[in-house]
């Protein structure tokens, strides 16, 4: 998955269940989660805030930590 501000905005608009599923999948792929990985409502709020207001520098930093690619 390529990440840019447009992609992050789309992610921020997903339902709680959809966003949780995406987060779990990404965590598993990055090797930082397991089948019991949970995301709380409070975490979802914080994640949505990040997805909405992230700067290009924050996106690049996050992707470098997890081996992703910014487009």
N, C-alpha and C. Protein backbone atom coordinates (compact mmCIF):
# COMPACT_ATOMS: atom_id res chain seq x y z
N UNK A 1 0.84 -1.18 0.00
CA UNK A 1 0.00 0.00 0.00
C UNK A 1 0.89 1.24 0.00
N UNK A 2 0.61 2.17 -0.88
CA UNK A 2 1.33 3.44 -0.90
C UNK A 2 0.56 4.45 -0.08
N UNK A 3 1.30 5.27 0.67
CA UNK A 3 0.66 6.23 1.55
C UNK A 3 1.02 7.65 1.15
N UNK A 4 0.01 8.45 0.98
CA UNK A 4 0.16 9.89 0.80
C UNK A 4 -1.01 10.52 1.55
N UNK A 5 -1.09 11.84 1.54
CA UNK A 5 -2.15 12.50 2.31
C UNK A 5 -3.54 12.08 1.85
N UNK A 6 -3.72 11.85 0.56
CA UNK A 6 -5.02 11.42 0.05
C UNK A 6 -5.40 10.04 0.59
N UNK A 7 -4.43 9.13 0.61
CA UNK A 7 -4.69 7.78 1.13
C UNK A 7 -4.99 7.82 2.62
N UNK A 8 -4.26 8.65 3.36
CA UNK A 8 -4.50 8.76 4.80
C UNK A 8 -5.88 9.33 5.08
N UNK A 9 -6.30 10.30 4.27
CA UNK A 9 -7.63 10.88 4.45
C UNK A 9 -8.71 9.82 4.22
N UNK A 10 -8.53 8.97 3.21
CA UNK A 10 -9.49 7.89 2.95
C UNK A 10 -9.54 6.93 4.13
N UNK A 11 -8.36 6.59 4.68
CA UNK A 11 -8.32 5.70 5.83
C UNK A 11 -9.06 6.30 7.02
N UNK A 12 -8.91 7.60 7.21
CA UNK A 12 -9.53 8.26 8.37
C UNK A 12 -11.06 8.22 8.30
N UNK A 13 -11.60 8.02 7.11
CA UNK A 13 -13.06 8.01 6.93
C UNK A 13 -13.67 6.61 7.00
N UNK A 14 -12.84 5.58 7.20
CA UNK A 14 -13.36 4.23 7.32
C UNK A 14 -14.14 4.08 8.62
N UNK A 15 -15.05 3.12 8.66
CA UNK A 15 -15.76 2.83 9.91
C UNK A 15 -14.76 2.29 10.92
N UNK A 16 -15.16 2.25 12.18
CA UNK A 16 -14.27 1.72 13.22
C UNK A 16 -13.82 0.30 12.90
N UNK A 17 -14.76 -0.53 12.49
CA UNK A 17 -14.43 -1.93 12.17
C UNK A 17 -13.47 -2.02 10.99
N UNK A 18 -13.72 -1.23 9.96
CA UNK A 18 -12.86 -1.26 8.78
C UNK A 18 -11.46 -0.75 9.11
N UNK A 19 -11.37 0.35 9.85
CA UNK A 19 -10.07 0.90 10.21
C UNK A 19 -9.31 -0.06 11.11
N UNK A 20 -10.01 -0.68 12.05
CA UNK A 20 -9.36 -1.66 12.92
C UNK A 20 -8.81 -2.83 12.11
N UNK A 21 -9.55 -3.29 11.13
CA UNK A 21 -9.09 -4.39 10.27
C UNK A 21 -7.84 -4.00 9.50
N UNK A 22 -7.81 -2.78 8.97
CA UNK A 22 -6.63 -2.30 8.23
C UNK A 22 -5.43 -2.20 9.17
N UNK A 23 -5.64 -1.66 10.35
CA UNK A 23 -4.55 -1.52 11.33
C UNK A 23 -4.00 -2.88 11.71
N UNK A 24 -4.89 -3.84 11.97
CA UNK A 24 -4.45 -5.19 12.32
C UNK A 24 -3.64 -5.82 11.19
N UNK A 25 -4.12 -5.66 9.97
CA UNK A 25 -3.41 -6.23 8.82
C UNK A 25 -2.03 -5.61 8.68
N UNK A 26 -1.95 -4.28 8.80
CA UNK A 26 -0.65 -3.60 8.68
C UNK A 26 0.29 -4.00 9.81
N UNK A 27 -0.25 -4.13 11.02
CA UNK A 27 0.57 -4.54 12.16
C UNK A 27 1.13 -5.94 11.96
N UNK A 28 0.29 -6.85 11.48
CA UNK A 28 0.75 -8.21 11.23
C UNK A 28 1.83 -8.24 10.15
N UNK A 29 1.61 -7.48 9.08
CA UNK A 29 2.59 -7.43 7.99
C UNK A 29 3.91 -6.84 8.45
N UNK A 30 3.85 -5.87 9.39
CA UNK A 30 5.07 -5.22 9.90
C UNK A 30 5.71 -6.03 11.02
N UNK A 31 5.03 -7.08 11.46
CA UNK A 31 5.57 -7.93 12.51
C UNK A 31 5.45 -7.34 13.91
N UNK A 32 4.52 -6.40 14.09
CA UNK A 32 4.35 -5.77 15.41
C UNK A 32 3.03 -6.13 16.07
N UNK A 33 2.31 -7.05 15.49
CA UNK A 33 1.02 -7.46 16.05
C UNK A 33 0.86 -8.96 15.93
N UNK A 34 -0.18 -9.46 16.57
CA UNK A 34 -0.53 -10.87 16.44
C UNK A 34 -2.04 -11.00 16.34
N UNK A 35 -2.54 -12.21 16.35
CA UNK A 35 -3.97 -12.43 16.17
C UNK A 35 -4.80 -11.79 17.29
N UNK A 36 -4.20 -11.54 18.43
CA UNK A 36 -4.91 -10.95 19.57
C UNK A 36 -4.75 -9.44 19.64
N UNK A 37 -4.17 -8.84 18.62
CA UNK A 37 -3.93 -7.40 18.59
C UNK A 37 -5.26 -6.66 18.62
N UNK A 38 -5.40 -5.74 19.57
CA UNK A 38 -6.64 -4.97 19.71
C UNK A 38 -6.38 -3.48 19.61
N UNK A 39 -7.38 -2.76 19.14
CA UNK A 39 -7.32 -1.30 19.02
C UNK A 39 -8.52 -0.75 19.77
N UNK A 40 -8.27 0.11 20.76
CA UNK A 40 -9.37 0.68 21.55
C UNK A 40 -9.99 1.87 20.81
N UNK A 41 -11.17 2.27 21.27
CA UNK A 41 -11.84 3.47 20.71
C UNK A 41 -10.94 4.69 20.86
N UNK A 42 -10.28 4.81 22.02
CA UNK A 42 -9.37 5.93 22.26
C UNK A 42 -8.22 5.91 21.25
N UNK A 43 -7.68 4.71 20.99
CA UNK A 43 -6.61 4.58 19.99
C UNK A 43 -7.10 4.99 18.61
N UNK A 44 -8.31 4.57 18.25
CA UNK A 44 -8.87 4.92 16.94
C UNK A 44 -9.01 6.44 16.79
N UNK A 45 -9.42 7.11 17.86
CA UNK A 45 -9.54 8.57 17.83
C UNK A 45 -8.18 9.20 17.57
N UNK A 46 -7.16 8.73 18.26
CA UNK A 46 -5.80 9.26 18.09
C UNK A 46 -5.28 8.97 16.69
N UNK A 47 -5.54 7.77 16.20
CA UNK A 47 -5.09 7.40 14.86
C UNK A 47 -5.78 8.26 13.80
N UNK A 48 -7.08 8.47 13.95
CA UNK A 48 -7.81 9.32 12.99
C UNK A 48 -7.26 10.75 13.00
N UNK A 49 -6.93 11.26 14.19
CA UNK A 49 -6.35 12.61 14.28
C UNK A 49 -5.02 12.65 13.53
N UNK A 50 -4.18 11.64 13.72
CA UNK A 50 -2.92 11.59 13.00
C UNK A 50 -3.17 11.51 11.49
N UNK A 51 -4.06 10.62 11.08
CA UNK A 51 -4.33 10.44 9.65
C UNK A 51 -4.81 11.74 9.01
N UNK A 52 -5.56 12.52 9.74
CA UNK A 52 -6.13 13.76 9.22
C UNK A 52 -5.11 14.89 9.14
N UNK A 53 -4.22 14.98 10.13
CA UNK A 53 -3.34 16.14 10.23
C UNK A 53 -1.86 15.85 10.02
N UNK A 54 -1.50 14.64 9.63
CA UNK A 54 -0.09 14.28 9.47
C UNK A 54 0.59 15.14 8.40
N UNK A 55 1.81 15.56 8.71
CA UNK A 55 2.61 16.31 7.73
C UNK A 55 3.36 15.32 6.85
N UNK A 56 3.89 15.80 5.75
CA UNK A 56 4.70 14.93 4.88
C UNK A 56 5.87 14.33 5.65
N UNK A 57 6.48 15.13 6.54
CA UNK A 57 7.62 14.66 7.32
C UNK A 57 7.20 13.54 8.28
N UNK A 58 6.04 13.68 8.90
CA UNK A 58 5.56 12.64 9.81
C UNK A 58 5.25 11.36 9.06
N UNK A 59 4.65 11.49 7.88
CA UNK A 59 4.35 10.31 7.06
C UNK A 59 5.64 9.61 6.67
N UNK A 60 6.62 10.36 6.21
CA UNK A 60 7.91 9.78 5.80
C UNK A 60 8.60 9.09 6.97
N UNK A 61 8.55 9.71 8.14
CA UNK A 61 9.18 9.13 9.33
C UNK A 61 8.52 7.81 9.71
N UNK A 62 7.20 7.79 9.70
CA UNK A 62 6.46 6.59 10.04
C UNK A 62 6.77 5.47 9.05
N UNK A 63 6.78 5.81 7.79
CA UNK A 63 7.04 4.80 6.76
C UNK A 63 8.45 4.27 6.83
N UNK A 64 9.41 5.12 7.17
CA UNK A 64 10.79 4.64 7.28
C UNK A 64 10.93 3.66 8.44
N UNK A 65 10.15 3.85 9.49
CA UNK A 65 10.18 2.94 10.63
C UNK A 65 9.65 1.56 10.27
N UNK A 66 8.66 1.52 9.38
CA UNK A 66 8.00 0.26 9.04
C UNK A 66 8.30 -0.22 7.63
N UNK A 67 9.25 0.41 6.96
CA UNK A 67 9.66 -0.06 5.65
C UNK A 67 8.68 0.21 4.54
N UNK A 68 7.80 1.18 4.71
CA UNK A 68 6.83 1.50 3.68
C UNK A 68 7.40 2.46 2.65
N UNK A 69 6.53 2.86 1.73
CA UNK A 69 6.95 3.74 0.65
C UNK A 69 5.93 4.86 0.51
N UNK A 70 6.41 6.11 0.61
CA UNK A 70 5.54 7.26 0.39
C UNK A 70 5.50 7.53 -1.10
N UNK A 71 4.34 7.84 -1.58
CA UNK A 71 4.21 8.13 -3.02
C UNK A 71 4.11 9.61 -3.21
